[in-house]
Every structure is written in structure tokens, then in C-alpha cells.
Amino acid sequence: MANVQLTELFAKFAGLRLSMVADAGLQTFGDSKTSGDVSTALDRELLIHLRKLADLAITDTATAVAEGYKRSKHVDIEVWTKSGQKRGLSDMPATSELRELKVVQVEDEAARLNELLALRKAILLETGLTLTKIIAAQQLIDEACITITGALDEAEAVAALLEMQAEIGLHYLPKHSQLWLDQTLFTRLER
């Protein structure tokens, strides 16, 4: 990652780490129904960095379909479905160049996360708000990397961050570090 400050803020981590981006109005996607509408080049660079540090990335079917998920060069991806409907997604085995993408029906998020954490040290959540709130309600997220874009100034971005933290239910992550860079607030919340 080119930005040393972001690399230092988001270093190697063990546990369950959330990555989320929203604009100052707390929108996590725009007209195209993807996060690309609210993300920035630096935020996308951060996501790649976080994937390189993870053993597994987890998302949900709605997010995977909207974002056009494919296999990654950096991390295995597990796509969760509650209903069992894959919505056009299919398992894609790893190749010499790309990591595995697997669609899994999950009834009990906590049980599945505990099972995965027993096998892998660092899991990255790239989930939409619905699944993120379910996992946060069980206080399973150890660290949250939240990016706020489109704010007029740092004070507006911090206010949006606090609102997003409350909306998701991350009150149990009291420690925070943040970096205001290129009109974007990068924040790490942790236990």
C-alpha cells in the first residue's frame, strides 16, 4: 500500500475485522447500488491492503451480487446465504493465480464465525448493513475499519462516524484511532 500512514493504522490483526465505507450522509452505496459510488481510490487501496492481511473475507449474497464479486488474488472469499439461494453465484475453486470463492448457507452466524475463527486467524467482514448489524449485536466484531467520505471537514466526518457506529451497534468498540486524509476519515475502532 502506497500510503504509509494508512498501512500503520491498519496493520496485521487477529480476529474479526469489519471493513465498511459510507458517505457523510451514511449511505453505503449510491445510484449504481455499489459501494464504488461512495468509495475513493484511497479507500479501495485500503480494502486491498486489508484483504492481503486477512486469511478469509466474508460477504453476503446481496453484497456479492451488487458488487460483482469474483475470486480474489489476495484472500479466499466466503459468500453467506441464509435462504440457500445463490442468486447466480457459484463456487469457484482456487487456481494458481486466484483464491477460492465459496457460497455457504449459514443459519447461525455466531456458530459459523466461531468455527472459522478456530481455523483462521484473521477474518475480514465485507458485509452489508443487515448482516453487519446481526454480527455486531452479538458483539463478535473485534475491530472495525470505517471510512467516511464526502464530508466538508473532519468535524462533519467524525459526526457521521459516531452516527454510523451507533447505527451498526458498535458501542462495545470504545478505542479508536483515526486519520483525516484527502477529505476522507479513516477510522479504526477496537475493543
Protein backbone atom coordinates (compact mmCIF):
# COMPACT_ATOMS: atom_id res chain seq x y z
CA MET A 1 0.00 0.00 0.00
CA ALA A 2 1.39 3.36 -1.00
CA ASN A 3 0.14 5.39 1.97
CA VAL A 4 2.39 4.68 4.97
CA GLN A 5 0.02 6.33 7.46
CA LEU A 6 -2.84 4.02 6.46
CA THR A 7 -0.56 0.99 6.48
CA GLU A 8 0.47 1.81 10.05
CA LEU A 9 -3.12 2.49 11.16
CA PHE A 10 -4.38 -0.79 9.71
CA ALA A 11 -1.69 -3.36 10.47
CA LYS A 12 -1.84 -7.15 10.77
CA PHE A 13 -4.67 -8.21 13.03
CA ALA A 14 -6.03 -11.41 14.58
CA GLY A 15 -9.78 -11.79 15.00
CA LEU A 16 -12.82 -10.49 13.17
CA ARG A 17 -12.29 -7.17 11.36
CA LEU A 18 -15.05 -5.20 9.63
CA SER A 19 -14.36 -3.03 6.59
CA MET A 20 -17.07 -0.53 5.70
CA VAL A 21 -17.34 2.70 3.73
CA ALA A 22 -20.11 5.30 3.89
CA ASP A 23 -20.52 8.87 2.81
CA ALA A 24 -21.21 11.73 5.22
CA GLY A 25 -24.95 11.06 4.79
CA LEU A 26 -24.37 7.44 5.96
CA GLN A 27 -25.10 5.97 2.54
CA THR A 28 -23.08 2.81 1.94
CA PHE A 29 -23.87 2.74 -1.77
CA GLY A 30 -25.04 5.13 -4.46
CA ASP A 31 -27.16 5.14 -7.61
CA SER A 32 -25.39 2.11 -9.06
CA LYS A 33 -26.20 0.17 -5.85
CA THR A 34 -22.47 -0.38 -5.22
CA SER A 35 -20.04 1.00 -2.69
CA GLY A 36 -17.98 2.33 -5.59
CA ASP A 37 -20.27 5.37 -5.62
CA VAL A 38 -19.25 6.37 -2.08
CA SER A 39 -15.72 4.96 -2.04
CA THR A 40 -12.50 6.71 -3.06
CA ALA A 41 -9.33 5.44 -4.72
CA LEU A 42 -7.56 5.52 -1.36
CA ASP A 43 -10.39 3.58 0.30
CA ARG A 44 -10.23 0.92 -2.43
CA GLU A 45 -6.47 0.73 -1.89
CA LEU A 46 -7.16 0.22 1.83
CA LEU A 47 -9.58 -2.64 1.07
CA ILE A 48 -6.91 -4.42 -0.97
CA HIS A 49 -4.44 -3.89 1.90
CA LEU A 50 -6.94 -5.34 4.41
CA ARG A 51 -7.57 -8.34 2.16
CA LYS A 52 -3.84 -9.03 1.97
CA LEU A 53 -3.74 -9.14 5.78
CA ALA A 54 -6.74 -11.49 6.09
CA ASP A 55 -7.00 -15.26 5.90
CA LEU A 56 -10.63 -15.08 4.73
CA ALA A 57 -13.11 -12.42 3.59
CA ILE A 58 -16.82 -12.87 4.28
CA THR A 59 -19.66 -11.14 2.48
CA ASP A 60 -23.37 -11.76 1.93
CA THR A 61 -25.12 -12.69 -1.32
CA ALA A 62 -26.76 -9.27 -1.77
CA THR A 63 -23.39 -7.52 -1.47
CA ALA A 64 -21.59 -10.09 -3.62
CA VAL A 65 -24.16 -9.79 -6.42
CA ALA A 66 -24.34 -5.95 -6.29
CA GLU A 67 -20.55 -5.56 -6.18
CA GLY A 68 -19.88 -8.25 -8.79
CA TYR A 69 -17.66 -10.36 -6.55
CA LYS A 70 -15.18 -12.69 -8.23
CA ARG A 71 -12.23 -14.64 -6.90
CA SER A 72 -9.50 -12.51 -5.36
CA LYS A 73 -5.75 -12.63 -5.81
CA HIS A 74 -5.29 -11.95 -2.10
CA VAL A 75 -7.80 -13.87 0.02
CA ASP A 76 -10.35 -16.69 0.00
CA ILE A 77 -13.91 -15.32 -0.06
CA GLU A 78 -16.92 -16.91 1.61
CA VAL A 79 -20.33 -15.63 0.49
CA TRP A 80 -23.10 -16.25 3.03
CA THR A 81 -26.69 -17.01 2.14
CA LYS A 82 -29.40 -17.59 4.72
CA SER A 83 -32.03 -18.89 2.28
CA GLY A 84 -29.73 -21.14 0.31
CA GLN A 85 -30.41 -19.13 -2.86
CA LYS A 86 -27.14 -18.36 -4.60
CA ARG A 87 -28.61 -15.59 -6.82
CA GLY A 88 -26.41 -16.52 -9.76
CA LEU A 89 -23.27 -17.04 -7.68
CA SER A 90 -21.40 -20.32 -7.78
CA ASP A 91 -18.42 -21.81 -6.04
CA MET A 92 -15.16 -21.05 -7.82
CA PRO A 93 -12.20 -23.19 -6.80
CA ALA A 94 -8.77 -21.68 -6.35
CA THR A 95 -6.34 -21.59 -9.26
CA SER A 96 -2.62 -20.88 -9.31
CA GLU A 97 -3.46 -17.16 -9.70
CA LEU A 98 -6.73 -16.71 -7.79
CA ARG A 99 -8.07 -17.73 -4.38
CA GLU A 100 -11.28 -19.66 -3.72
CA LEU A 101 -14.77 -18.14 -3.69
CA LYS A 102 -17.32 -20.32 -1.92
CA VAL A 103 -21.07 -19.82 -1.34
CA VAL A 104 -22.22 -21.18 2.03
CA GLN A 105 -25.68 -21.43 3.57
CA VAL A 106 -25.41 -20.05 7.12
CA GLU A 107 -28.23 -20.33 9.65
CA ASP A 108 -26.28 -19.31 12.75
CA GLU A 109 -23.78 -16.52 12.10
CA ALA A 110 -22.10 -16.77 15.52
CA ALA A 111 -21.58 -20.53 15.24
CA ARG A 112 -20.12 -20.19 11.73
CA LEU A 113 -17.79 -17.36 12.80
CA ASN A 114 -16.57 -19.34 15.81
CA GLU A 115 -15.96 -22.34 13.54
CA LEU A 116 -13.99 -20.18 11.09
CA LEU A 117 -12.01 -18.37 13.80
CA ALA A 118 -10.87 -21.75 15.12
CA LEU A 119 -9.33 -22.41 11.69
CA ARG A 120 -8.19 -18.95 10.61
CA LYS A 121 -6.55 -16.09 12.50
CA ALA A 122 -7.76 -13.02 10.59
CA ILE A 123 -11.22 -12.71 9.05
CA LEU A 124 -12.38 -9.64 7.14
CA LEU A 125 -16.09 -8.79 7.01
CA GLU A 126 -17.13 -7.04 3.79
CA THR A 127 -20.82 -7.35 4.60
CA GLY A 128 -23.76 -5.05 4.02
CA LEU A 129 -25.53 -3.25 6.86
CA THR A 130 -28.09 -6.00 7.57
CA LEU A 131 -25.59 -8.80 8.23
CA THR A 132 -23.14 -6.41 9.88
CA LYS A 133 -25.80 -5.37 12.41
CA ILE A 134 -26.64 -9.02 13.18
CA ILE A 135 -22.98 -9.81 13.86
CA ALA A 136 -22.41 -6.58 15.83
CA ALA A 137 -25.48 -7.27 18.00
CA GLN A 138 -23.66 -10.40 19.20
CA GLN A 139 -20.51 -8.31 19.84
CA LEU A 140 -18.43 -10.56 17.61
CA ILE A 141 -16.55 -7.84 15.71
CA ASP A 142 -13.12 -7.24 17.25
CA GLU A 143 -12.12 -4.30 15.06
CA ALA A 144 -13.97 -2.04 12.63
CA CYS A 145 -12.31 -0.11 9.82
CA ILE A 146 -14.82 2.55 8.83
CA THR A 147 -14.18 5.07 6.08
CA ILE A 148 -16.32 8.22 5.84
CA THR A 149 -16.16 10.05 2.50
CA GLY A 150 -17.67 13.24 1.14
CA ALA A 151 -17.59 15.30 4.34
CA LEU A 152 -16.93 19.02 4.15
CA ASP A 153 -14.49 18.83 7.05
CA GLU A 154 -13.18 16.47 9.71
CA ALA A 155 -15.84 17.51 12.26
CA GLU A 156 -18.65 16.54 9.87
CA ALA A 157 -16.91 13.22 9.14
CA VAL A 158 -16.48 12.44 12.85
CA ALA A 159 -20.18 13.20 13.47
CA ALA A 160 -21.10 10.81 10.64
CA LEU A 161 -18.74 8.18 12.06
CA LEU A 162 -20.37 8.37 15.50
CA GLU A 163 -23.79 8.06 13.91
CA MET A 164 -22.65 5.05 11.85
CA GLN A 165 -21.09 3.43 14.93
CA ALA A 166 -24.43 3.79 16.76
CA GLU A 167 -26.48 2.57 13.78
CA ILE A 168 -24.41 -0.58 13.39
CA GLY A 169 -24.27 -1.19 17.14
CA LEU A 170 -20.51 -0.95 17.64
CA HIS A 171 -20.75 0.79 21.03
CA TYR A 172 -18.67 -2.04 22.52
CA LEU A 173 -15.61 -0.92 20.50
CA PRO A 174 -14.53 2.11 22.57
CA LYS A 175 -10.93 2.60 21.44
CA HIS A 176 -10.42 4.48 18.23
CA SER A 177 -7.67 5.79 16.02
CA GLN A 178 -8.34 7.96 13.03
CA LEU A 179 -6.69 9.67 10.11
CA TRP A 180 -8.15 12.60 8.13
CA LEU A 181 -6.66 12.38 4.65
CA ASP A 182 -7.84 13.75 1.29
CA GLN A 183 -11.27 14.80 2.64
CA THR A 184 -11.77 11.26 3.94
CA LEU A 185 -11.88 9.97 7.52
CA PHE A 186 -10.25 6.57 8.06
CA THR A 187 -11.09 5.13 11.47
CA ARG A 188 -10.13 2.01 13.40
CA LEU A 189 -12.46 1.07 16.26
CA GLU A 190 -11.36 -1.70 18.60
CA ARG A 191 -12.05 -3.33 21.96
